[in-house]
Amino acid sequence: MGESKTSKYYADPKNAAAKKKRLAYQKKYNAREDQKDYRVELNAHNRKTGKYGNGDGLDASHKNGKIVGYEKASSNRARNGKGSTKQKG
């Protein structure tokens, strides 16, 4: 599987300071109570539906804040990726 431009950037030793800054931000962001609650909710749903850790390559697809089904991870994650005009909310 290929690496994205972003992961290549942060893997480059020349960008060590940027990587350190990004990881510090992510640590702070992921420690927020709302993010913990969100992960708990998603993990509970995945366990309930038998998707937790089974390696089938499917992601929960969301629409209007609700899980509406499952689709290939590549399709799901590409939707709001590079070139998309949609805003994440």
N, C-alpha and C. Protein backbone atom coordinates (compact mmCIF):
# COMPACT_ATOMS: atom_id res chain seq x y z
N MET A 1 0.84 -1.16 0.00
CA MET A 1 0.00 0.00 0.00
C MET A 1 0.89 1.24 0.00
N GLY A 2 0.57 2.22 -0.82
CA GLY A 2 1.39 3.42 -0.92
C GLY A 2 1.16 4.38 0.22
N GLU A 3 2.17 5.20 0.44
CA GLU A 3 2.06 6.20 1.49
C GLU A 3 1.54 7.51 0.90
N SER A 4 0.82 8.25 1.70
CA SER A 4 0.32 9.54 1.25
C SER A 4 1.47 10.55 1.27
N LYS A 5 1.26 11.68 0.61
CA LYS A 5 2.26 12.74 0.62
C LYS A 5 2.51 13.23 2.05
N THR A 6 1.44 13.28 2.84
CA THR A 6 1.58 13.75 4.21
C THR A 6 2.44 12.81 5.04
N SER A 7 2.19 11.49 4.94
CA SER A 7 2.97 10.56 5.75
C SER A 7 4.42 10.53 5.29
N LYS A 8 4.66 10.69 3.99
CA LYS A 8 6.04 10.76 3.50
C LYS A 8 6.74 12.00 4.07
N TYR A 9 6.02 13.12 4.11
CA TYR A 9 6.57 14.37 4.64
C TYR A 9 7.01 14.19 6.08
N TYR A 10 6.13 13.63 6.92
CA TYR A 10 6.46 13.48 8.34
C TYR A 10 7.48 12.38 8.59
N ALA A 11 7.64 11.45 7.67
CA ALA A 11 8.63 10.38 7.83
C ALA A 11 10.05 10.86 7.48
N ASP A 12 10.13 11.93 6.72
CA ASP A 12 11.42 12.49 6.30
C ASP A 12 12.15 13.10 7.50
N PRO A 13 13.38 12.68 7.77
CA PRO A 13 14.13 13.22 8.91
C PRO A 13 14.30 14.74 8.87
N LYS A 14 14.24 15.34 7.69
CA LYS A 14 14.37 16.80 7.58
C LYS A 14 13.21 17.52 8.25
N ASN A 15 12.09 16.82 8.43
CA ASN A 15 10.89 17.43 8.97
C ASN A 15 10.60 16.96 10.40
N ALA A 16 11.65 16.63 11.12
CA ALA A 16 11.50 16.09 12.48
C ALA A 16 10.79 17.08 13.41
N ALA A 17 11.09 18.36 13.27
CA ALA A 17 10.45 19.37 14.14
C ALA A 17 8.96 19.45 13.86
N ALA A 18 8.59 19.39 12.59
CA ALA A 18 7.18 19.44 12.21
C ALA A 18 6.45 18.19 12.72
N LYS A 19 7.12 17.04 12.63
CA LYS A 19 6.53 15.80 13.11
C LYS A 19 6.29 15.86 14.62
N LYS A 20 7.27 16.38 15.34
CA LYS A 20 7.16 16.50 16.80
C LYS A 20 5.99 17.42 17.17
N LYS A 21 5.86 18.53 16.45
CA LYS A 21 4.78 19.48 16.70
C LYS A 21 3.42 18.84 16.42
N ARG A 22 3.32 18.11 15.33
CA ARG A 22 2.07 17.45 14.94
C ARG A 22 1.67 16.39 15.98
N LEU A 23 2.62 15.58 16.41
CA LEU A 23 2.33 14.54 17.39
C LEU A 23 1.90 15.13 18.73
N ALA A 24 2.50 16.26 19.11
CA ALA A 24 2.10 16.94 20.35
C ALA A 24 0.66 17.42 20.24
N TYR A 25 0.30 17.98 19.06
CA TYR A 25 -1.07 18.45 18.85
C TYR A 25 -2.04 17.28 18.89
N GLN A 26 -1.72 16.18 18.21
CA GLN A 26 -2.59 15.01 18.17
C GLN A 26 -2.81 14.43 19.56
N LYS A 27 -1.75 14.39 20.36
CA LYS A 27 -1.86 13.87 21.72
C LYS A 27 -2.85 14.70 22.53
N LYS A 28 -2.75 16.01 22.40
CA LYS A 28 -3.65 16.92 23.11
C LYS A 28 -5.09 16.78 22.60
N TYR A 29 -5.24 16.71 21.28
CA TYR A 29 -6.56 16.60 20.65
C TYR A 29 -7.26 15.30 21.04
N ASN A 30 -6.52 14.20 20.98
CA ASN A 30 -7.10 12.89 21.28
C ASN A 30 -7.39 12.68 22.76
N ALA A 31 -6.82 13.52 23.62
CA ALA A 31 -7.07 13.42 25.05
C ALA A 31 -8.34 14.17 25.46
N ARG A 32 -8.92 14.94 24.52
CA ARG A 32 -10.13 15.68 24.84
C ARG A 32 -11.27 14.72 25.17
N GLU A 33 -12.10 15.13 26.10
CA GLU A 33 -13.21 14.28 26.56
C GLU A 33 -14.16 13.93 25.42
N ASP A 34 -14.45 14.88 24.53
CA ASP A 34 -15.36 14.58 23.42
C ASP A 34 -14.77 13.56 22.46
N GLN A 35 -13.46 13.57 22.26
CA GLN A 35 -12.83 12.58 21.40
C GLN A 35 -12.83 11.20 22.04
N LYS A 36 -12.62 11.15 23.35
CA LYS A 36 -12.68 9.87 24.05
C LYS A 36 -14.08 9.28 23.95
N ASP A 37 -15.10 10.11 24.14
CA ASP A 37 -16.48 9.65 24.05
C ASP A 37 -16.79 9.14 22.64
N TYR A 38 -16.27 9.84 21.63
CA TYR A 38 -16.49 9.46 20.24
C TYR A 38 -15.87 8.09 19.96
N ARG A 39 -14.64 7.87 20.44
CA ARG A 39 -13.98 6.58 20.23
C ARG A 39 -14.71 5.45 20.95
N VAL A 40 -15.19 5.73 22.16
CA VAL A 40 -15.95 4.73 22.91
C VAL A 40 -17.20 4.33 22.13
N GLU A 41 -17.89 5.32 21.59
CA GLU A 41 -19.12 5.07 20.83
C GLU A 41 -18.84 4.22 19.59
N LEU A 42 -17.79 4.58 18.84
CA LEU A 42 -17.46 3.84 17.62
C LEU A 42 -16.99 2.42 17.94
N ASN A 43 -16.16 2.27 18.98
CA ASN A 43 -15.69 0.93 19.35
C ASN A 43 -16.85 0.05 19.79
N ALA A 44 -17.79 0.60 20.54
CA ALA A 44 -18.95 -0.17 20.99
C ALA A 44 -19.77 -0.63 19.78
N HIS A 45 -19.96 0.26 18.83
CA HIS A 45 -20.72 -0.10 17.62
C HIS A 45 -20.01 -1.19 16.84
N ASN A 46 -18.69 -1.06 16.69
CA ASN A 46 -17.93 -2.06 15.94
C ASN A 46 -17.93 -3.42 16.63
N ARG A 47 -17.88 -3.43 17.95
CA ARG A 47 -17.96 -4.69 18.67
C ARG A 47 -19.34 -5.33 18.50
N LYS A 48 -20.37 -4.50 18.60
CA LYS A 48 -21.74 -4.98 18.49
C LYS A 48 -22.02 -5.60 17.12
N THR A 49 -21.43 -5.02 16.07
CA THR A 49 -21.67 -5.52 14.72
C THR A 49 -20.63 -6.53 14.25
N GLY A 50 -19.67 -6.85 15.13
CA GLY A 50 -18.67 -7.85 14.78
C GLY A 50 -17.57 -7.33 13.87
N LYS A 51 -17.43 -6.02 13.76
CA LYS A 51 -16.42 -5.44 12.88
C LYS A 51 -15.12 -5.10 13.60
N TYR A 52 -15.13 -5.14 14.93
CA TYR A 52 -13.97 -4.69 15.70
C TYR A 52 -12.79 -5.64 15.51
N GLY A 53 -11.74 -5.15 14.87
CA GLY A 53 -10.49 -5.90 14.74
C GLY A 53 -10.54 -7.13 13.87
N ASN A 54 -11.52 -7.24 12.97
CA ASN A 54 -11.58 -8.45 12.16
C ASN A 54 -10.79 -8.34 10.86
N GLY A 55 -10.24 -7.17 10.55
CA GLY A 55 -9.36 -7.02 9.40
C GLY A 55 -10.01 -7.18 8.05
N ASP A 56 -11.31 -6.91 7.94
CA ASP A 56 -11.98 -7.08 6.65
C ASP A 56 -11.84 -5.87 5.74
N GLY A 57 -11.18 -4.80 6.23
CA GLY A 57 -10.94 -3.62 5.39
C GLY A 57 -12.13 -2.71 5.24
N LEU A 58 -13.19 -2.94 6.01
CA LEU A 58 -14.37 -2.09 5.90
C LEU A 58 -14.40 -1.06 7.02
N ASP A 59 -14.88 0.13 6.67
CA ASP A 59 -15.05 1.22 7.62
C ASP A 59 -16.53 1.51 7.76
N ALA A 60 -16.91 2.04 8.91
CA ALA A 60 -18.27 2.50 9.10
C ALA A 60 -18.44 3.78 8.29
N SER A 61 -19.47 3.84 7.48
CA SER A 61 -19.76 5.00 6.66
C SER A 61 -20.78 5.87 7.40
N HIS A 62 -20.48 7.16 7.52
CA HIS A 62 -21.34 8.07 8.26
C HIS A 62 -22.08 9.02 7.34
N LYS A 63 -23.30 9.34 7.72
CA LYS A 63 -24.07 10.35 7.01
C LYS A 63 -24.91 11.09 8.05
N ASN A 64 -24.77 12.39 8.11
CA ASN A 64 -25.48 13.22 9.08
C ASN A 64 -25.23 12.76 10.52
N GLY A 65 -23.99 12.36 10.79
CA GLY A 65 -23.62 11.98 12.15
C GLY A 65 -24.06 10.59 12.57
N LYS A 66 -24.61 9.81 11.66
CA LYS A 66 -25.08 8.45 11.98
C LYS A 66 -24.34 7.45 11.10
N ILE A 67 -24.10 6.26 11.65
CA ILE A 67 -23.48 5.20 10.86
C ILE A 67 -24.58 4.59 10.00
N VAL A 68 -24.36 4.62 8.68
CA VAL A 68 -25.39 4.15 7.75
C VAL A 68 -25.01 2.85 7.05
N GLY A 69 -23.85 2.31 7.35
CA GLY A 69 -23.45 1.05 6.72
C GLY A 69 -21.93 0.96 6.70
N TYR A 70 -21.43 0.03 5.92
CA TYR A 70 -19.99 -0.19 5.83
C TYR A 70 -19.56 -0.15 4.38
N GLU A 71 -18.35 0.33 4.15
CA GLU A 71 -17.80 0.37 2.80
C GLU A 71 -16.29 0.24 2.89
N LYS A 72 -15.66 0.03 1.73
CA LYS A 72 -14.22 -0.10 1.69
C LYS A 72 -13.58 1.12 2.33
N ALA A 73 -12.55 0.90 3.11
CA ALA A 73 -11.87 2.00 3.80
C ALA A 73 -11.36 3.04 2.80
N SER A 74 -10.83 2.59 1.68
CA SER A 74 -10.27 3.52 0.69
C SER A 74 -11.34 4.46 0.13
N SER A 75 -12.54 3.94 -0.12
CA SER A 75 -13.62 4.78 -0.63
C SER A 75 -14.12 5.74 0.43
N ASN A 76 -14.27 5.22 1.64
CA ASN A 76 -14.80 6.02 2.74
C ASN A 76 -13.88 7.18 3.09
N ARG A 77 -12.59 6.89 3.16
CA ARG A 77 -11.63 7.92 3.58
C ARG A 77 -11.30 8.89 2.45
N ALA A 78 -11.49 8.48 1.23
CA ALA A 78 -11.20 9.36 0.09
C ALA A 78 -12.27 10.43 -0.09
N ARG A 79 -13.45 10.18 0.40
CA ARG A 79 -14.57 11.09 0.17
C ARG A 79 -14.28 12.52 0.61
N ASN A 80 -13.69 12.69 1.77
CA ASN A 80 -13.39 14.04 2.25
C ASN A 80 -11.91 14.34 2.19
N GLY A 81 -11.24 13.69 1.29
CA GLY A 81 -9.79 13.84 1.19
C GLY A 81 -9.38 14.94 0.24
N LYS A 82 -8.22 14.76 -0.36
CA LYS A 82 -7.63 15.76 -1.23
C LYS A 82 -8.59 16.12 -2.37
N GLY A 83 -8.77 17.39 -2.57
CA GLY A 83 -9.60 17.87 -3.68
C GLY A 83 -11.07 17.95 -3.36
N SER A 84 -11.47 17.50 -2.19
CA SER A 84 -12.88 17.53 -1.85
C SER A 84 -13.29 18.95 -1.46
N THR A 85 -14.50 19.31 -1.82
CA THR A 85 -15.01 20.63 -1.44
C THR A 85 -15.84 20.55 -0.18
N LYS A 86 -16.07 19.34 0.31
CA LYS A 86 -16.86 19.16 1.53
C LYS A 86 -16.05 19.56 2.75
N GLN A 87 -16.72 20.06 3.75
CA GLN A 87 -16.09 20.41 5.00
C GLN A 87 -16.42 19.35 6.03
N LYS A 88 -15.42 18.95 6.80
CA LYS A 88 -15.68 18.00 7.88
C LYS A 88 -16.34 18.73 9.03
N GLY A 89 -17.28 18.08 9.67
CA GLY A 89 -17.99 18.76 10.74
C GLY A 89 -18.00 18.02 11.94
